[in-house]
Protein backbone atom coordinates (compact mmCIF):
# COMPACT_ATOMS: atom_id res chain seq x y z
CA UNK A 1 -0.57 0.88 0.21
CA UNK A 2 1.10 3.10 -0.37
CA UNK A 3 2.25 5.58 1.78
CA UNK A 4 -0.08 8.81 1.36
CA UNK A 5 -3.00 5.93 0.88
CA UNK A 6 -1.73 4.66 4.80
CA UNK A 7 -1.18 7.83 6.42
CA UNK A 8 -5.11 9.24 5.23
CA UNK A 9 -6.45 5.70 5.95
CA UNK A 10 -4.29 6.31 9.70
CA UNK A 11 -5.89 9.37 9.00
CA UNK A 12 -9.57 8.60 8.95
CA UNK A 13 -9.32 5.98 11.54
CA UNK A 14 -7.68 8.82 14.09
CA UNK A 15 -10.21 11.49 13.52
CA UNK A 16 -12.84 8.99 14.18
CA UNK A 17 -12.11 7.46 17.06
CA UNK A 18 -11.17 11.15 18.21
CA UNK A 19 -14.71 11.99 17.11
CA UNK A 20 -17.77 9.87 18.71
CA UNK A 21 -18.02 10.69 22.67
CA UNK A 22 -17.06 7.89 24.58
CA UNK A 23 -20.38 8.08 26.60
CA UNK A 24 -22.30 6.75 23.90
CA UNK A 25 -20.63 3.42 24.15
CA UNK A 26 -24.32 1.76 23.00
CA UNK A 27 -24.72 4.07 20.28
CA UNK A 28 -25.04 2.25 16.93
CA UNK A 29 -23.41 4.80 15.08
CA UNK A 30 -20.38 3.77 17.79
CA UNK A 31 -20.61 0.46 16.65
CA UNK A 32 -20.40 0.77 13.38
CA UNK A 33 -17.17 3.84 13.79
CA UNK A 34 -15.22 0.92 15.19
CA UNK A 35 -16.01 -2.31 13.17
CA UNK A 36 -14.96 0.65 9.71
CA UNK A 37 -11.77 0.85 12.17
CA UNK A 38 -11.26 -2.47 12.70
CA UNK A 39 -11.39 -3.35 8.60
CA UNK A 40 -8.94 -1.06 7.92
CA UNK A 41 -6.70 -2.61 9.76
CA UNK A 42 -7.87 -5.98 7.39
CA UNK A 43 -9.17 -7.91 10.80
CA UNK A 44 -12.07 -9.95 10.26
CA UNK A 45 -15.39 -8.37 11.82
CA UNK A 46 -18.35 -8.83 9.97
CA UNK A 47 -20.17 -6.27 13.01
CA UNK A 48 -19.04 -5.22 16.43
CA UNK A 49 -22.13 -6.24 17.82
CA UNK A 50 -21.09 -5.12 21.74
CA UNK A 51 -19.15 -2.21 22.91
CA UNK A 52 -17.10 -1.42 26.09
CA UNK A 53 -15.80 2.07 26.83
CA UNK A 54 -12.98 1.06 29.11
CA UNK A 55 -11.47 4.48 28.99
CA UNK A 56 -11.64 7.54 26.50
CA UNK A 57 -10.44 6.07 22.94
CA UNK A 58 -10.41 3.07 24.49
CA UNK A 59 -13.26 -0.22 23.62
CA UNK A 60 -13.17 -3.44 23.54
CA UNK A 61 -15.25 -4.91 21.12
CA UNK A 62 -16.75 -7.88 19.93
CA UNK A 63 -18.45 -8.74 17.29
CA UNK A 64 -21.01 -10.66 15.03
CA UNK A 65 -18.15 -13.43 14.26
CA UNK A 66 -17.90 -13.11 17.99
CA UNK A 67 -14.52 -12.69 17.09
CA UNK A 68 -12.84 -10.00 20.22
CA UNK A 69 -10.88 -6.69 20.36
CA UNK A 70 -9.60 -4.11 21.76
CA UNK A 71 -9.13 -0.56 20.24
CA UNK A 72 -7.55 2.09 21.98
CA UNK A 73 -5.72 4.90 21.21
CA UNK A 74 -1.54 5.12 21.80
CA UNK A 75 0.95 7.66 23.13
CA UNK A 76 2.02 8.72 19.90
CA UNK A 77 -2.00 8.59 18.83
CA UNK A 78 -2.48 6.19 16.73
CA UNK A 79 -5.13 4.32 16.44
CA UNK A 80 -4.02 0.49 17.71
CA UNK A 81 -6.41 -2.83 17.06
CA UNK A 82 -5.16 -6.30 19.12
CA UNK A 83 -6.60 -9.34 19.18
CA UNK A 84 -9.02 -10.03 22.46
CA UNK A 85 -7.45 -13.74 22.94
CA UNK A 86 -8.99 -13.66 26.30
CA UNK A 87 -11.59 -15.67 24.74
């Protein structure tokens, strides 16, 4: 993937996480946005069905296909999506 495309996709992911208030954890828009963030990382997730807010811009999500992820922003402002291994 070209460097400019990667930077653009990263910027969109950061904007999505910053634009969504953490109080709306059960909001359908947040679920859709987090599904998009996971897809931008090329990870499998049909649809986010549950979201647990850990802190602002820090979420534990479960997908419809039973995949679980930890999505957060690191100290450098980069969006991190990690597969949750606590199944």
